[in-house]
């Protein structure tokens, strides 16, 4: 492989010397490997290679190909072997076309950080941090090589010695990088992500729809509602989760299309498409209000806190004023549409016949601990199956399984289990 000169800044942090360079996609994929691709480094791979998630790399590739505003953090690359060489721009003062005061204010230390890094082509280069980005770039180049090969990404090179102490040092750096790299939280995505359709719609509902103002929706990083909260209908994370179900299960089922979450989170749709999602969300919640009197009362009230206090009480209230209840009912809508091949409106006509009082069946035998007056969210799947039974969506074998599960949960014989009445 030919030698290459990369514009670089040289720095030092702790006991590491590093070089921050700009590298084209083409040079990056030709020269930098993931740890498992280094033909003599399988042992090293065991220590530093996370199992590459091909789905994640595919999402990154899609992001590159579909997003004009694509941007990446620096990829950290370890170097061993070959003869990388640093060329400092010592005579930079002589070529600066500016006044002497500015020239004199540039210290020797600053000047010593500017230069070029020459790679001979004999080095082994492997990604310590950014392996999925590297794999995603490779996939994107396969699909659109000519337009993307000159795109540039920041690469940080660190030295690596291919001996036991060098392996230990590099492994430690790998762990440090990945431990300290904090994943983006869901509430940060909701607040900031401009590609995530679900996040955008969540923000639009809160900002544009009077039923979802910040006076009605708790803005919190915690997905659970505080036990002493009797004024907010739900929280922003639960609203996002409901919309995720709506856009990945309910809407695709009704429209007979296939949609994965990654289809909704990697590239921003045009304004017309975003409006369609927003309209669908509003339609869904309007039907929820039309079908259930307590939701209608809440949406219509100018004093939402009073309505929440009425339907989310210490001793129960409506399941639709609990985050888990909104998730279960949204899943239920998707199941009903799937089985009956019907519209959202037709689904709500039937689902609205279901009981919502937590003190009644099926809730007091599933997610509502009647004696201790608390939610048992871990039983949400059991609740969903019981509601599906009431809508006649279960096969006979699944009905038998449901009865056995309820019996086991309540410590009774199957003959003692009384399922709630079917509504159809």
Protein backbone atom coordinates (compact mmCIF):
# COMPACT_ATOMS: atom_id res chain seq x y z
CA UNK A 1 0.00 0.00 0.00
CA UNK A 2 1.30 3.47 -0.88
CA UNK A 3 2.40 5.99 1.69
CA UNK A 4 0.00 8.76 2.61
CA UNK A 5 0.34 12.18 4.26
CA UNK A 6 -2.46 13.22 6.61
CA UNK A 7 -2.94 16.75 7.99
CA UNK A 8 -2.67 16.36 11.73
CA UNK A 9 -2.57 17.95 15.16
CA UNK A 10 -0.28 16.31 17.67
CA UNK A 11 -1.26 16.19 21.32
CA UNK A 12 -0.66 14.46 24.60
CA UNK A 13 -3.15 13.35 27.22
CA UNK A 14 -2.06 11.37 30.25
CA UNK A 15 0.70 9.06 29.04
CA UNK A 16 -0.69 8.85 25.50
CA UNK A 17 0.67 10.74 22.51
CA UNK A 18 -1.97 11.02 19.82
CA UNK A 19 -2.48 12.51 16.36
CA UNK A 20 -5.82 13.93 15.24
CA UNK A 21 -6.05 13.64 11.46
CA UNK A 22 -8.54 14.09 8.65
CA UNK A 23 -8.96 11.00 6.50
CA UNK A 24 -11.13 10.30 3.46
CA UNK A 25 -13.67 7.48 3.59
CA UNK A 26 -11.71 5.74 0.84
CA UNK A 27 -8.41 5.80 2.74
CA UNK A 28 -10.13 4.89 5.99
CA UNK A 29 -11.75 1.69 4.73
CA UNK A 30 -8.66 0.64 2.76
CA UNK A 31 -6.25 1.02 5.66
CA UNK A 32 -8.14 0.65 8.95
CA UNK A 33 -9.46 -2.73 10.04
CA UNK A 34 -11.72 -3.93 12.79
CA UNK A 35 -9.82 -6.11 15.24
CA UNK A 36 -11.18 -9.38 13.89
CA UNK A 37 -9.89 -8.54 10.39
CA UNK A 38 -6.22 -8.39 11.40
CA UNK A 39 -4.94 -11.72 10.17
CA UNK A 40 -2.47 -12.32 13.01
CA UNK A 41 -4.42 -10.67 15.82
CA UNK A 42 -7.09 -13.16 16.79
CA UNK A 43 -5.82 -13.21 20.36
CA UNK A 44 -5.93 -9.44 20.55
CA UNK A 45 -9.39 -9.60 19.03
CA UNK A 46 -10.62 -11.65 21.97
CA UNK A 47 -9.77 -8.79 24.28
CA UNK A 48 -10.70 -5.67 22.38
CA UNK A 49 -13.34 -6.66 19.83
CA UNK A 50 -16.93 -6.22 20.81
CA UNK A 51 -19.22 -8.44 18.78
CA UNK A 52 -20.02 -6.28 15.79
CA UNK A 53 -23.75 -5.71 15.52
CA UNK A 54 -24.46 -5.92 11.80
CA UNK A 55 -27.85 -4.30 12.27
CA UNK A 56 -26.22 -1.29 13.89
CA UNK A 57 -23.65 -1.03 11.08
CA UNK A 58 -26.47 -1.25 8.55
CA UNK A 59 -28.29 1.59 10.30
CA UNK A 60 -25.13 3.72 10.16
CA UNK A 61 -24.76 2.95 6.45
CA UNK A 62 -28.36 4.01 5.87
CA UNK A 63 -27.73 7.20 7.86
CA UNK A 64 -24.72 8.04 5.66
CA UNK A 65 -26.57 7.38 2.42
CA UNK A 66 -29.77 9.23 3.30
CA UNK A 67 -28.66 12.16 5.45
CA UNK A 68 -26.98 15.19 3.92
CA UNK A 69 -26.22 16.47 7.43
CA UNK A 70 -24.34 13.30 8.38
CA UNK A 71 -21.67 13.73 11.01
CA UNK A 72 -19.53 11.47 13.18
CA UNK A 73 -17.40 11.64 16.27
CA UNK A 74 -13.73 10.83 15.76
CA UNK A 75 -12.74 7.22 15.20
CA UNK A 76 -9.89 6.13 17.49
CA UNK A 77 -7.32 3.97 15.70
CA UNK A 78 -4.36 2.05 17.14
CA UNK A 79 -1.18 1.87 15.06
CA UNK A 80 1.52 -0.76 15.18
CA UNK A 81 4.27 -1.84 12.84
CA UNK A 82 5.41 0.09 9.77
CA UNK A 83 7.09 3.44 10.05
CA UNK A 84 4.63 6.26 10.79
CA UNK A 85 6.45 9.58 10.83
CA UNK A 86 5.59 13.06 12.07
CA UNK A 87 6.49 16.19 10.08
CA UNK A 88 6.19 19.41 12.02
CA UNK A 89 5.49 22.71 10.25
CA UNK A 90 8.45 24.54 11.78
CA UNK A 91 8.42 27.50 9.40
CA UNK A 92 4.77 28.40 9.86
CA UNK A 93 5.62 31.90 11.12
CA UNK A 94 7.39 32.71 7.86
CA UNK A 95 4.33 31.94 5.75
CA UNK A 96 1.71 33.61 7.95
CA UNK A 97 0.42 36.69 6.16
CA UNK A 98 -0.44 38.68 9.26
CA UNK A 99 1.05 41.25 11.62
CA UNK A 100 4.04 40.54 13.81
CA UNK A 101 2.08 40.70 17.09
CA UNK A 102 -0.05 37.73 16.07
CA UNK A 103 3.02 35.82 14.88
CA UNK A 104 4.79 36.47 18.16
CA UNK A 105 1.75 35.37 20.19
CA UNK A 106 1.85 31.87 18.68
CA UNK A 107 3.97 29.82 21.06
CA UNK A 108 6.55 27.24 20.08
CA UNK A 109 4.42 24.64 21.84
CA UNK A 110 1.43 25.53 19.65
CA UNK A 111 3.53 25.39 16.49
CA UNK A 112 4.87 21.97 17.48
CA UNK A 113 1.34 20.54 17.41
CA UNK A 114 0.74 21.33 13.71
CA UNK A 115 2.01 19.12 10.92
CA UNK A 116 1.52 15.99 8.86
CA UNK A 117 1.50 12.33 9.80
CA UNK A 118 3.00 10.07 7.17
CA UNK A 119 1.82 6.48 7.04
CA UNK A 120 4.09 4.23 5.02
CA UNK A 121 1.40 1.70 4.18
CA UNK A 122 3.18 -1.02 6.13
CA UNK A 123 1.43 -0.24 9.41
CA UNK A 124 -1.38 -2.28 10.89
CA UNK A 125 -4.27 0.00 11.83
CA UNK A 126 -7.31 -1.14 13.79
CA UNK A 127 -10.24 0.72 15.30
CA UNK A 128 -10.36 0.91 19.08
CA UNK A 129 -13.46 3.07 19.17
CA UNK A 130 -15.84 3.47 16.25
CA UNK A 131 -15.87 -0.04 14.82
CA UNK A 132 -19.56 0.13 13.93
CA UNK A 133 -19.01 3.50 12.25
CA UNK A 134 -16.14 2.01 10.26
CA UNK A 135 -18.25 -0.98 9.20
CA UNK A 136 -21.16 1.31 8.32
CA UNK A 137 -18.88 3.48 6.16
CA UNK A 138 -17.63 0.36 4.36
CA UNK A 139 -21.19 -0.70 3.59
CA UNK A 140 -22.13 2.78 2.40
CA UNK A 141 -19.13 2.90 0.04
CA UNK A 142 -20.20 -0.39 -1.52
CA UNK A 143 -23.55 1.21 -2.39
CA UNK A 144 -22.33 4.65 -3.44
CA UNK A 145 -18.56 4.60 -3.85
CA UNK A 146 -17.96 7.51 -6.22
CA UNK A 147 -19.95 10.14 -4.33
CA UNK A 148 -18.79 9.14 -0.85
CA UNK A 149 -15.14 8.13 -1.20
CA UNK A 150 -13.91 11.73 -0.77
CA UNK A 151 -16.00 12.42 2.34
CA UNK A 152 -13.74 13.11 5.32
CA UNK A 153 -13.85 11.95 8.89
CA UNK A 154 -11.77 12.80 11.94
CA UNK A 155 -9.44 9.99 13.04
CA UNK A 156 -7.34 9.92 16.21
CA UNK A 157 -4.23 7.73 15.95
CA UNK A 158 -2.55 6.29 19.05
CA UNK A 159 0.59 4.19 19.16
CA UNK A 160 0.44 0.49 19.96
CA UNK A 161 3.19 -2.02 20.64
CA UNK A 162 2.49 -5.59 19.61
CA UNK A 163 3.87 -7.19 22.77
CA UNK A 164 2.22 -8.26 26.02
CA UNK A 165 2.61 -4.89 27.76
CA UNK A 166 1.39 -3.17 24.61
CA UNK A 167 -1.64 -5.46 24.44
CA UNK A 168 -2.49 -4.71 28.07
CA UNK A 169 -2.14 -0.98 27.51
CA UNK A 170 -4.28 -1.03 24.36
CA UNK A 171 -6.93 -3.22 25.99
CA UNK A 172 -7.13 -0.78 28.88
CA UNK A 173 -7.57 2.15 26.51
CA UNK A 174 -10.31 0.27 24.69
CA UNK A 175 -12.16 -0.38 27.94
CA UNK A 176 -11.68 3.21 29.12
CA UNK A 177 -13.06 4.58 25.85
CA UNK A 178 -16.10 2.33 25.89
CA UNK A 179 -16.81 2.69 29.60
CA UNK A 180 -16.71 6.46 29.48
CA UNK A 181 -18.69 6.71 26.25
CA UNK A 182 -22.12 7.47 27.65
CA UNK A 183 -25.03 6.22 25.59
CA UNK A 184 -27.54 8.85 24.54
CA UNK A 185 -30.53 8.56 26.86
CA UNK A 186 -34.08 8.28 25.61
CA UNK A 187 -35.05 11.65 27.08
CA UNK A 188 -32.12 13.26 25.22
CA UNK A 189 -33.34 11.64 21.99
CA UNK A 190 -36.86 12.90 22.61
CA UNK A 191 -35.63 16.43 23.30
CA UNK A 192 -33.06 16.77 20.53
CA UNK A 193 -33.21 14.14 17.78
CA UNK A 194 -34.17 15.63 14.41
CA UNK A 195 -34.16 12.30 12.55
CA UNK A 196 -36.33 10.27 14.93
CA UNK A 197 -39.95 10.52 13.72
CA UNK A 198 -41.21 9.30 17.10
CA UNK A 199 -39.25 11.97 18.99
CA UNK A 200 -40.31 14.70 16.57
CA UNK A 201 -43.98 13.72 16.91
CA UNK A 202 -43.66 13.60 20.70
CA UNK A 203 -42.34 17.16 20.71
CA UNK A 204 -44.98 18.34 18.26
CA UNK A 205 -47.79 16.94 20.40
CA UNK A 206 -46.47 18.72 23.48
CA UNK A 207 -45.87 21.98 21.62
CA UNK A 208 -48.85 22.04 19.24
CA UNK A 209 -51.70 20.00 20.75
CA UNK A 210 -53.48 21.43 23.79
CA UNK A 211 -54.18 17.90 25.04
CA UNK A 212 -50.44 17.30 25.55
CA UNK A 213 -48.97 20.51 26.93
CA UNK A 214 -46.26 20.38 29.58
CA UNK A 215 -49.01 21.11 32.09
CA UNK A 216 -50.48 17.71 31.23
CA UNK A 217 -47.39 15.62 30.43
CA UNK A 218 -44.63 15.16 33.01
CA UNK A 219 -41.27 16.14 31.49
CA UNK A 220 -38.94 13.77 33.30
CA UNK A 221 -36.00 11.47 32.59
CA UNK A 222 -37.64 8.72 34.66
CA UNK A 223 -39.90 6.35 32.68
CA UNK A 224 -42.01 5.63 35.78
CA UNK A 225 -44.58 8.02 37.19
CA UNK A 226 -43.84 9.09 40.78
CA UNK A 227 -46.20 7.42 43.26
CA UNK A 228 -47.33 10.79 44.56
CA UNK A 229 -48.08 12.29 41.13
CA UNK A 230 -51.80 12.83 40.74
CA UNK A 231 -51.71 15.75 38.31
CA UNK A 232 -50.02 14.61 35.07
CA UNK A 233 -51.76 12.19 32.70
CA UNK A 234 -48.47 10.48 31.83
CA UNK A 235 -44.80 11.31 31.22
CA UNK A 236 -42.88 12.19 28.08
CA UNK A 237 -41.05 8.84 27.90
CA UNK A 238 -44.31 6.90 28.10
CA UNK A 239 -45.77 9.14 25.39
CA UNK A 240 -42.75 8.34 23.20
CA UNK A 241 -43.18 4.60 23.91
CA UNK A 242 -46.88 4.73 23.00
CA UNK A 243 -46.03 6.52 19.74
CA UNK A 244 -43.36 3.91 19.01
CA UNK A 245 -46.01 1.18 19.25
CA UNK A 246 -48.39 3.30 17.22
CA UNK A 247 -45.91 3.86 14.38
CA UNK A 248 -44.26 0.42 14.35
CA UNK A 249 -47.30 -1.80 15.05
CA UNK A 250 -50.69 -0.08 14.81
CA UNK A 251 -50.19 2.11 11.74
CA UNK A 252 -48.26 -0.50 9.70
CA UNK A 253 -50.91 -3.11 10.52
CA UNK A 254 -53.73 -0.82 9.43
CA UNK A 255 -51.92 0.31 6.26
CA UNK A 256 -50.56 -3.20 5.56
CA UNK A 257 -46.94 -2.09 5.38
CA UNK A 258 -43.78 -3.22 7.15
CA UNK A 259 -41.95 -0.72 9.36
CA UNK A 260 -39.01 -1.25 11.72
CA UNK A 261 -38.07 1.25 14.38
CA UNK A 262 -34.79 1.90 12.55
CA UNK A 263 -36.84 3.07 9.55
CA UNK A 264 -38.20 5.83 11.77
CA UNK A 265 -35.03 6.91 13.55
CA UNK A 266 -32.14 7.12 11.09
CA UNK A 267 -33.17 9.72 8.52
CA UNK A 268 -35.60 12.62 8.70
CA UNK A 269 -38.62 12.30 6.40
CA UNK A 270 -39.85 15.27 4.41
CA UNK A 271 -42.40 17.67 5.89
CA UNK A 272 -45.39 15.94 4.28
CA UNK A 273 -44.42 12.54 5.71
CA UNK A 274 -43.87 14.00 9.17
CA UNK A 275 -47.30 15.59 9.01
CA UNK A 276 -48.83 12.19 8.19
CA UNK A 277 -47.33 10.72 11.37
CA UNK A 278 -48.47 13.68 13.45
CA UNK A 279 -51.99 13.44 12.00
CA UNK A 280 -52.08 9.70 12.75
CA UNK A 281 -51.07 10.30 16.36
CA UNK A 282 -53.77 12.94 16.77
CA UNK A 283 -56.32 10.62 15.17
CA UNK A 284 -55.38 7.82 17.56
CA UNK A 285 -55.72 9.93 20.68
CA UNK A 286 -58.96 11.47 19.43
CA UNK A 287 -60.40 7.96 19.05
CA UNK A 288 -59.09 7.06 22.51
CA UNK A 289 -60.99 10.05 23.87
CA UNK A 290 -64.11 9.21 21.89
CA UNK A 291 -64.05 5.62 23.12
CA UNK A 292 -63.38 6.15 26.82
CA UNK A 293 -65.33 8.78 28.81
CA UNK A 294 -62.55 9.43 31.32
CA UNK A 295 -60.10 10.33 28.53
CA UNK A 296 -62.72 12.52 26.86
CA UNK A 297 -63.31 14.31 30.16
CA UNK A 298 -59.58 14.80 30.63
CA UNK A 299 -58.97 16.17 27.12
CA UNK A 300 -61.90 18.60 27.43
CA UNK A 301 -61.04 19.93 30.87
CA UNK A 302 -59.33 23.23 31.56
CA UNK A 303 -58.32 21.82 34.94
CA UNK A 304 -56.54 18.60 33.91
CA UNK A 305 -55.08 18.07 37.38
CA UNK A 306 -58.56 17.58 38.81
CA UNK A 307 -59.40 14.91 36.24
CA UNK A 308 -56.11 13.07 36.77
CA UNK A 309 -56.70 13.07 40.53
CA UNK A 310 -60.15 11.63 39.87
CA UNK A 311 -58.93 8.76 37.68
CA UNK A 312 -55.51 8.00 39.15
CA UNK A 313 -56.06 7.44 42.82
CA UNK A 314 -54.28 5.70 45.64
CA UNK A 315 -56.90 2.96 45.57
CA UNK A 316 -57.00 2.50 41.78
CA UNK A 317 -58.78 4.55 39.16
CA UNK A 318 -58.60 4.02 35.40
CA UNK A 319 -55.96 1.84 33.77
CA UNK A 320 -55.74 4.50 31.04
CA UNK A 321 -54.26 6.91 33.58
CA UNK A 322 -51.34 4.58 34.18
CA UNK A 323 -48.38 4.45 31.73
CA UNK A 324 -48.53 0.66 31.46
CA UNK A 325 -52.23 0.84 30.63
CA UNK A 326 -51.62 3.10 27.64
CA UNK A 327 -48.96 0.70 26.36
CA UNK A 328 -51.17 -2.37 26.80
CA UNK A 329 -54.16 -0.78 25.07
CA UNK A 330 -52.04 0.43 22.16
CA UNK A 331 -50.72 -3.10 21.72
CA UNK A 332 -54.29 -4.37 21.96
CA UNK A 333 -55.43 -2.06 19.15
CA UNK A 334 -52.67 -3.43 16.92
CA UNK A 335 -53.69 -7.02 17.71
CA UNK A 336 -57.35 -6.34 16.99
CA UNK A 337 -56.64 -4.67 13.64
CA UNK A 338 -54.34 -7.53 12.68
CA UNK A 339 -56.94 -10.22 13.35
CA UNK A 340 -59.97 -8.40 11.96
CA UNK A 341 -58.26 -6.51 9.12
CA UNK A 342 -60.13 -3.37 10.06
CA UNK A 343 -59.62 0.36 10.51
CA UNK A 344 -58.52 2.17 13.64
CA UNK A 345 -62.07 3.48 14.03
CA UNK A 346 -63.60 -0.01 13.86
CA UNK A 347 -61.09 -1.31 16.39
CA UNK A 348 -62.00 1.38 18.92
CA UNK A 349 -65.73 0.69 18.51
CA UNK A 350 -65.13 -2.73 20.06
CA UNK A 351 -62.20 -2.04 22.39
CA UNK A 352 -64.12 0.82 24.02
CA UNK A 353 -66.47 -1.81 25.48
CA UNK A 354 -63.70 -3.02 27.82
CA UNK A 355 -63.67 -2.24 31.52
CA UNK A 356 -60.97 0.26 32.59
CA UNK A 357 -61.50 0.39 36.37
CA UNK A 358 -58.43 -1.08 38.09
CA UNK A 359 -60.56 -2.41 40.94
CA UNK A 360 -62.47 -4.65 38.54
CA UNK A 361 -61.56 -7.74 36.54
CA UNK A 362 -59.24 -8.31 34.72
CA UNK A 363 -56.96 -5.75 36.40
CA UNK A 364 -57.31 -6.87 40.01
CA UNK A 365 -56.04 -10.31 38.94
CA UNK A 366 -53.20 -9.00 36.80
CA UNK A 367 -51.42 -5.64 37.06
CA UNK A 368 -53.32 -4.16 40.02
CA UNK A 369 -52.49 -5.57 43.43
CA UNK A 370 -55.85 -4.96 45.04
CA UNK A 371 -54.70 -5.71 48.59
CA UNK A 372 -51.51 -3.63 48.55
CA UNK A 373 -52.93 -0.92 46.26
CA UNK A 374 -50.02 -0.93 43.85
CA UNK A 375 -49.23 -1.65 40.21
CA UNK A 376 -47.41 -4.84 39.23
CA UNK A 377 -46.08 -3.84 35.83
CA UNK A 378 -44.31 -7.16 35.33
CA UNK A 379 -47.76 -8.71 34.70
CA UNK A 380 -48.57 -6.48 31.73
CA UNK A 381 -48.25 -9.40 29.28
CA UNK A 382 -50.80 -11.34 31.34
CA UNK A 383 -53.14 -8.36 31.19
CA UNK A 384 -52.73 -8.08 27.43
CA UNK A 385 -53.57 -11.77 26.96
CA UNK A 386 -56.63 -11.45 29.20
CA UNK A 387 -57.91 -8.44 27.26
CA UNK A 388 -57.29 -10.32 24.01
CA UNK A 389 -59.42 -13.12 25.45
CA UNK A 390 -62.23 -10.64 26.10
CA UNK A 391 -62.02 -9.53 22.47
CA UNK A 392 -62.10 -13.16 21.29
CA UNK A 393 -58.58 -12.91 19.84
CA UNK A 394 -57.18 -16.07 21.46
CA UNK A 395 -57.21 -19.61 20.15
CA UNK A 396 -58.58 -22.33 22.45
CA UNK A 397 -55.06 -23.52 23.29
CA UNK A 398 -54.01 -20.00 24.26
CA UNK A 399 -57.15 -19.64 26.37
CA UNK A 400 -56.16 -22.78 28.29
CA UNK A 401 -52.64 -21.42 28.74
CA UNK A 402 -54.07 -18.12 30.02
CA UNK A 403 -56.22 -19.91 32.60
CA UNK A 404 -53.22 -21.89 33.85
CA UNK A 405 -51.07 -18.74 34.10
CA UNK A 406 -53.74 -16.90 36.09
CA UNK A 407 -54.16 -19.92 38.38
CA UNK A 408 -50.41 -20.13 38.99
CA UNK A 409 -50.19 -16.40 39.67
CA UNK A 410 -52.99 -16.49 42.22
CA UNK A 411 -52.17 -19.85 43.81
CA UNK A 412 -55.48 -21.51 42.91
CA UNK A 413 -56.63 -24.45 40.82
CA UNK A 414 -57.46 -23.87 37.17
CA UNK A 415 -61.06 -24.87 37.92
CA UNK A 416 -61.34 -21.88 40.25
CA UNK A 417 -60.28 -19.33 37.64
CA UNK A 418 -63.08 -17.16 36.34
CA UNK A 419 -62.11 -15.22 33.26
CA UNK A 420 -63.86 -11.90 32.64
CA UNK A 421 -66.76 -11.88 30.21
CA UNK A 422 -66.02 -11.49 26.54
CA UNK A 423 -67.28 -8.26 25.02
CA UNK A 424 -67.84 -9.79 21.57
